[in-house]
Protein backbone atom coordinates (compact mmCIF):
# COMPACT_ATOMS: atom_id res chain seq x y z
CA MET A 1 36.46 11.29 -6.30
CA MET A 2 34.35 11.50 -3.16
CA LEU A 3 34.70 7.82 -2.17
CA THR A 4 37.64 5.46 -2.04
CA GLN A 5 37.39 2.04 -3.65
CA LYS A 6 37.31 0.53 -0.15
CA GLN A 7 34.27 2.64 0.71
CA LYS A 8 32.51 1.67 -2.50
CA ASP A 9 33.19 -1.99 -1.87
CA GLN A 10 31.83 -1.65 1.66
CA PHE A 11 28.64 -0.01 0.41
CA TRP A 12 27.91 -2.80 -2.07
CA ARG A 13 28.86 -5.50 0.45
CA GLU A 14 26.88 -4.13 3.39
CA GLY A 15 24.31 -1.83 1.77
CA VAL A 16 25.27 1.07 4.06
CA LEU A 17 28.16 3.52 4.46
CA VAL A 18 28.72 6.48 6.81
CA VAL A 19 30.91 9.27 5.42
CA GLU A 20 31.99 12.41 7.27
CA ASP A 21 31.86 15.99 5.94
CA ALA A 22 29.09 15.45 3.39
CA VAL A 23 28.28 19.18 3.53
CA THR A 24 30.31 22.28 4.29
CA SER A 25 30.13 23.90 7.72
CA ASP A 26 28.17 26.79 6.21
CA GLN A 27 25.64 24.45 4.58
CA LEU A 28 25.20 22.60 7.86
CA ALA A 29 24.69 25.82 9.83
CA ASP A 30 22.12 27.07 7.33
CA LEU A 31 20.16 23.80 7.40
CA ARG A 32 20.09 23.77 11.19
CA GLY A 33 19.00 27.41 11.28
CA VAL A 34 16.04 26.80 8.99
CA PHE A 35 14.93 23.76 10.95
CA ALA A 36 15.25 25.62 14.26
CA ASP A 37 12.87 28.28 12.85
CA TRP A 38 10.38 25.53 11.93
CA VAL A 39 10.55 24.10 15.44
CA GLU A 40 9.78 27.54 16.89
CA GLU A 41 6.90 27.93 14.46
CA SER A 42 5.51 24.54 15.52
CA ARG A 43 5.13 25.73 19.12
CA GLY A 44 2.08 27.69 18.01
CA GLN A 45 0.41 24.68 16.37
CA THR A 46 -1.76 22.01 17.93
CA ASP A 47 -2.11 19.70 14.92
CA ASP A 48 -0.29 18.82 11.71
CA TYR A 49 -0.16 21.87 9.45
CA GLY A 50 0.98 23.28 6.12
CA GLU A 51 0.21 21.64 2.79
CA THR A 52 2.19 19.59 0.29
CA MET A 53 1.64 19.06 -3.41
CA ASP A 54 -0.90 16.26 -2.83
CA GLY A 55 -2.83 18.17 -0.14
CA ARG A 56 -1.45 16.44 2.96
CA PRO A 57 0.08 18.43 5.84
CA ARG A 58 3.75 19.32 5.38
CA PHE A 59 4.63 19.51 9.08
CA ASP A 60 3.99 16.35 11.12
CA LEU A 61 3.73 16.66 14.90
CA GLN A 62 4.52 13.87 17.37
CA PRO A 63 1.58 12.85 19.64
CA GLY A 64 2.05 14.81 22.85
CA HIS A 65 3.47 17.86 21.05
CA SER A 66 3.06 21.12 22.96
CA ALA A 67 4.40 24.67 22.97
CA ALA A 68 6.58 23.78 25.95
CA ILE A 69 7.86 20.50 24.49
CA PRO A 70 7.66 20.73 20.70
CA GLY A 71 7.55 17.45 18.80
CA LEU A 72 8.07 18.36 15.17
CA ARG A 73 9.02 14.94 13.85
CA ARG A 74 8.70 15.29 10.07
CA VAL A 75 8.86 18.02 7.41
CA GLN A 76 7.70 16.77 4.02
CA SER A 77 9.52 18.03 0.90
CA PRO A 78 11.45 20.84 2.64
CA GLU A 79 13.07 21.67 -0.73
CA GLU A 80 9.75 23.15 -1.88
CA VAL A 81 9.68 25.77 0.88
CA SER A 82 13.38 26.41 1.57
CA ASP A 83 16.09 27.44 -0.86
CA VAL A 84 18.65 26.24 1.68
CA PHE A 85 17.31 22.69 1.52
CA ALA A 86 16.82 22.84 -2.26
CA ASN A 87 20.40 23.98 -2.81
CA THR A 88 21.73 21.28 -0.49
CA MET A 89 19.69 18.64 -2.29
CA ARG A 90 21.36 19.64 -5.57
CA ALA A 91 24.86 20.60 -4.48
CA ALA A 92 25.87 18.58 -1.41
CA ARG A 93 28.85 16.25 -1.68
CA THR A 94 26.34 13.51 -1.01
CA VAL A 95 25.03 13.81 -4.58
CA ASP A 96 28.48 13.16 -6.05
CA MET A 97 28.94 10.18 -3.75
CA CYS A 98 25.73 8.69 -5.16
CA VAL A 99 26.94 9.35 -8.71
CA GLU A 100 30.05 7.29 -7.98
CA LEU A 101 27.85 4.43 -6.77
CA ILE A 102 24.88 4.40 -9.18
CA GLY A 103 25.69 7.09 -11.80
CA PRO A 104 26.65 8.60 -14.09
CA ALA A 105 23.19 10.22 -14.35
CA LEU A 106 21.05 10.75 -11.27
CA ARG A 107 17.54 11.92 -10.47
CA PHE A 108 16.04 13.24 -7.24
CA HIS A 109 13.10 11.24 -5.89
CA HIS A 110 11.98 12.92 -2.67
CA GLY A 111 13.21 14.64 0.47
CA LYS A 112 12.13 14.99 4.09
CA VAL A 113 13.38 15.93 7.52
CA ASN A 114 12.97 13.39 10.31
CA SER A 115 13.62 14.67 13.82
CA LYS A 116 13.57 13.15 17.26
CA MET A 117 13.40 15.85 19.91
CA PRO A 118 14.88 15.06 23.33
CA GLY A 119 12.71 12.64 25.26
CA THR A 120 10.19 12.06 22.46
CA ALA A 121 8.84 8.60 21.85
CA THR A 122 9.17 8.51 18.07
CA ALA A 123 10.53 5.17 16.89
CA VAL A 124 10.77 3.77 13.37
CA LYS A 125 9.74 0.16 12.94
CA PHE A 126 11.90 -2.05 10.76
CA HIS A 127 11.24 -1.72 7.05
CA GLN A 128 12.85 -1.41 3.64
CA ASP A 129 12.47 1.74 1.56
CA PHE A 130 12.11 0.00 -1.79
CA PRO A 131 8.56 -1.33 -1.17
CA PHE A 132 7.42 2.28 -0.68
CA GLN A 133 8.90 3.35 -4.06
CA PRO A 134 9.26 0.36 -6.44
CA MET A 135 11.01 1.15 -9.72
CA THR A 136 12.16 -0.77 -12.76
CA ASN A 137 15.57 -1.21 -11.13
CA ASP A 138 16.80 -0.87 -7.56
CA ASP A 139 19.73 1.52 -8.00
CA ILE A 140 18.27 3.79 -5.37
CA ILE A 141 20.11 5.34 -2.44
CA THR A 142 18.62 6.94 0.64
CA CYS A 143 20.96 9.61 2.04
CA LEU A 144 20.55 10.45 5.72
CA LEU A 145 22.42 13.67 6.44
CA PHE A 146 23.11 14.19 10.16
CA LEU A 147 22.08 17.73 11.18
CA ASP A 148 22.98 16.84 14.77
CA ASP A 149 25.56 14.56 16.27
CA VAL A 150 24.05 11.06 16.16
CA THR A 151 24.93 9.00 19.21
CA LEU A 152 24.00 5.60 20.61
CA GLU A 153 21.56 7.33 22.98
CA ASN A 154 19.55 9.68 20.74
CA GLY A 155 17.87 7.17 18.43
CA PRO A 156 20.41 6.34 15.72
CA LEU A 157 19.58 4.44 12.54
CA GLU A 158 19.77 0.68 13.10
CA VAL A 159 20.55 -1.42 10.03
CA VAL A 160 21.08 -5.05 9.14
CA PRO A 161 24.12 -5.10 6.83
CA GLY A 162 23.78 -7.26 3.73
CA THR A 163 19.98 -7.46 3.72
CA HIS A 164 19.86 -5.35 0.54
CA LYS A 165 20.93 -8.56 -1.25
CA GLY A 166 18.13 -10.61 0.30
CA PRO A 167 14.36 -10.79 -0.09
CA ILE A 168 12.00 -7.85 -0.37
CA TYR A 169 9.77 -8.41 2.65
CA SER A 170 6.02 -7.85 2.79
CA HIS A 171 4.94 -4.62 4.46
CA TRP A 172 1.26 -5.62 4.29
CA HIS A 173 -0.38 -7.09 7.41
CA GLY A 174 -4.03 -7.76 8.04
CA GLY A 175 -5.00 -6.23 4.72
CA ARG A 176 -3.21 -2.93 5.43
CA PHE A 177 0.06 -1.51 4.21
CA THR A 178 1.70 -0.88 7.57
CA GLY A 179 5.07 0.33 6.35
CA ALA A 180 6.86 -2.27 8.48
CA VAL A 181 8.02 -5.87 8.23
CA ALA A 182 6.57 -8.61 10.40
CA ASP A 183 7.95 -8.98 13.93
CA SER A 184 9.27 -12.41 12.94
CA VAL A 185 11.52 -10.76 10.32
CA LYS A 186 12.94 -8.35 12.88
CA ASP A 187 13.45 -11.18 15.37
CA GLU A 188 15.35 -13.15 12.72
CA HIS A 189 17.86 -10.32 12.24
CA ILE A 190 17.95 -8.70 15.69
CA GLY A 191 21.35 -10.19 16.49
CA ASN A 192 22.96 -8.56 13.45
CA LEU A 193 21.91 -4.95 14.02
CA VAL A 194 24.47 -2.18 13.55
CA LYS A 195 23.86 1.34 14.85
CA CYS A 196 24.98 4.17 12.56
CA THR A 197 26.45 7.08 14.52
CA GLY A 198 28.56 10.08 13.55
CA LYS A 199 29.15 13.77 13.94
CA ALA A 200 26.87 16.43 12.47
CA GLY A 201 27.58 16.89 8.79
CA SER A 202 28.12 13.17 8.17
CA VAL A 203 25.88 11.22 5.83
CA CYS A 204 24.67 7.64 5.98
CA LEU A 205 24.30 6.24 2.45
CA MET A 206 21.80 3.39 2.49
CA HIS A 207 20.63 1.06 -0.26
CA ALA A 208 16.84 1.22 -0.70
CA ARG A 209 16.46 -2.52 -0.03
CA LEU A 210 18.38 -2.49 3.27
CA LEU A 211 16.39 -3.52 6.36
CA HIS A 212 16.47 -0.75 8.95
CA GLY A 213 14.68 1.07 11.76
CA SER A 214 15.48 3.22 14.80
CA ALA A 215 14.71 3.52 18.50
CA PRO A 216 13.30 6.50 20.48
CA ASN A 217 15.53 9.36 21.57
CA LYS A 218 16.29 8.76 25.24
CA SER A 219 18.86 11.54 25.54
CA ASP A 220 18.67 15.28 26.17
CA LYS A 221 20.02 16.00 22.67
CA PRO A 222 18.00 16.23 19.42
CA ARG A 223 18.57 13.85 16.50
CA THR A 224 17.60 15.46 13.23
CA LEU A 225 18.21 14.05 9.74
CA TYR A 226 17.75 15.60 6.31
CA ILE A 227 16.87 12.62 4.14
CA THR A 228 17.13 12.70 0.35
CA THR A 229 16.59 9.82 -2.06
CA TYR A 230 18.33 9.64 -5.45
CA TYR A 231 17.96 7.04 -8.16
CA ALA A 232 19.63 6.03 -11.39
CA GLU A 233 18.30 8.08 -14.29
CA ASP A 234 17.26 4.97 -16.24
CA ALA A 235 14.76 3.80 -13.60
CA ILE A 236 11.03 4.53 -13.81
CA GLU A 237 8.49 4.49 -11.00
CA LEU A 238 6.02 1.60 -10.90
CA SER A 239 3.61 3.09 -8.35
CA PRO A 240 2.49 6.61 -7.37
CA ASN A 241 5.17 8.58 -5.51
CA HIS A 242 4.36 8.39 -1.79
CA LEU A 243 5.79 11.87 -1.29
CA PRO A 244 5.25 13.79 -4.54
CA SER A 245 7.07 17.08 -5.02
CA ARG A 246 7.43 19.57 -7.85
CA LEU A 247 11.15 18.65 -7.82
CA THR A 248 10.58 14.89 -8.15
CA HIS A 249 12.50 13.35 -11.08
CA GLU A 250 14.74 16.40 -11.47
CA ILE A 251 18.08 15.40 -13.00
CA VAL A 252 20.73 16.50 -10.52
CA ARG A 253 23.73 15.01 -12.35
CA GLY A 254 24.28 13.87 -15.94
CA GLU A 255 21.73 13.88 -18.75
CA ALA A 256 18.57 12.02 -19.69
CA SER A 257 19.33 8.84 -21.64
CA GLY A 258 15.89 8.09 -23.02
CA ARG A 259 16.33 4.49 -21.87
CA VAL A 260 14.77 2.26 -19.21
CA ARG A 261 16.71 -0.45 -17.35
CA CYS A 262 14.81 -3.31 -15.71
CA THR A 263 15.99 -5.86 -13.15
CA PRO A 264 13.97 -8.85 -11.90
CA TYR A 265 12.24 -8.84 -8.51
CA ASN A 266 8.79 -9.42 -7.05
CA LEU A 267 6.90 -7.38 -4.47
CA GLU A 268 3.45 -6.22 -3.39
CA LEU A 269 2.63 -2.70 -4.54
CA PRO A 270 2.42 -0.16 -1.72
CA GLU A 271 -0.65 1.71 -0.59
CA VAL A 272 -0.83 5.40 -1.50
CA PRO A 273 -0.64 7.21 1.87
CA THR A 274 -3.41 9.53 3.03
CA ASP A 275 -1.93 10.44 6.43
CA THR A 276 0.71 13.11 6.96
CA SER A 277 3.59 10.66 6.93
CA PHE A 278 4.52 7.01 7.16
CA PHE A 279 4.71 7.34 10.94
CA ALA A 280 0.91 7.16 10.94
CA GLN A 281 1.02 4.07 8.73
CA GLN A 282 3.41 2.34 11.13
CA GLU A 283 1.28 3.32 14.14
CA GLN A 284 -1.56 1.30 12.66
CA SER A 285 0.45 -1.92 12.40
């Protein structure tokens, strides 16, 4: 067993759990090496580049990116272009942790790398993941694997424990899907924020309905996350995948049941993104 009963209880009570040593030291070193190569490659680029399955750029650059101060803030579906990331997506201890929480059978939904280089202004406005990827049930876990030490200074994930049990908030404002909740929602919960920190190799397991965001990196250290989303095998998507991949829906544990499980909820369907990543959606809000 990867998780103790106390840890499982905490996850379902708070909607979030940080666990150390989610990957081996070799897996961590390999992931960091691949991403470092991508950062070096980005120095020679002036705009978003590469191409994903739906034709959008794979590599998303922070405004102000330059060769001297690279701002590679997002890599879409890294599993498609790196065996290291694909193998980690399938074999990390993280996957078995998710099985213990929402298994026994598990499918992969999507993956991405989010990075905040030292001194970059990238911030993530408060949102819930579920409105981006509604399914017939909400047994969905977002796994944020720390490729760097995550500290209070370098833009850690900020969550509101327990909000996965509450309402699904609107992410539409002024007729646009902005990928963020209203400021009034954030203001309501600002006093209950918890910052998720930990050493490199740790993972933050987060329920897809949990309210969360993050602040800019104000330190001289990078903060890079490899983010994978897994869901219970008996869930089916209700809107187009916002980050389609040739590996989407792959069964990573267990077997197909041929069944669909539905739970009641109500939400507004998301908008299919046309920009490189949801950062652009949030910048419009």
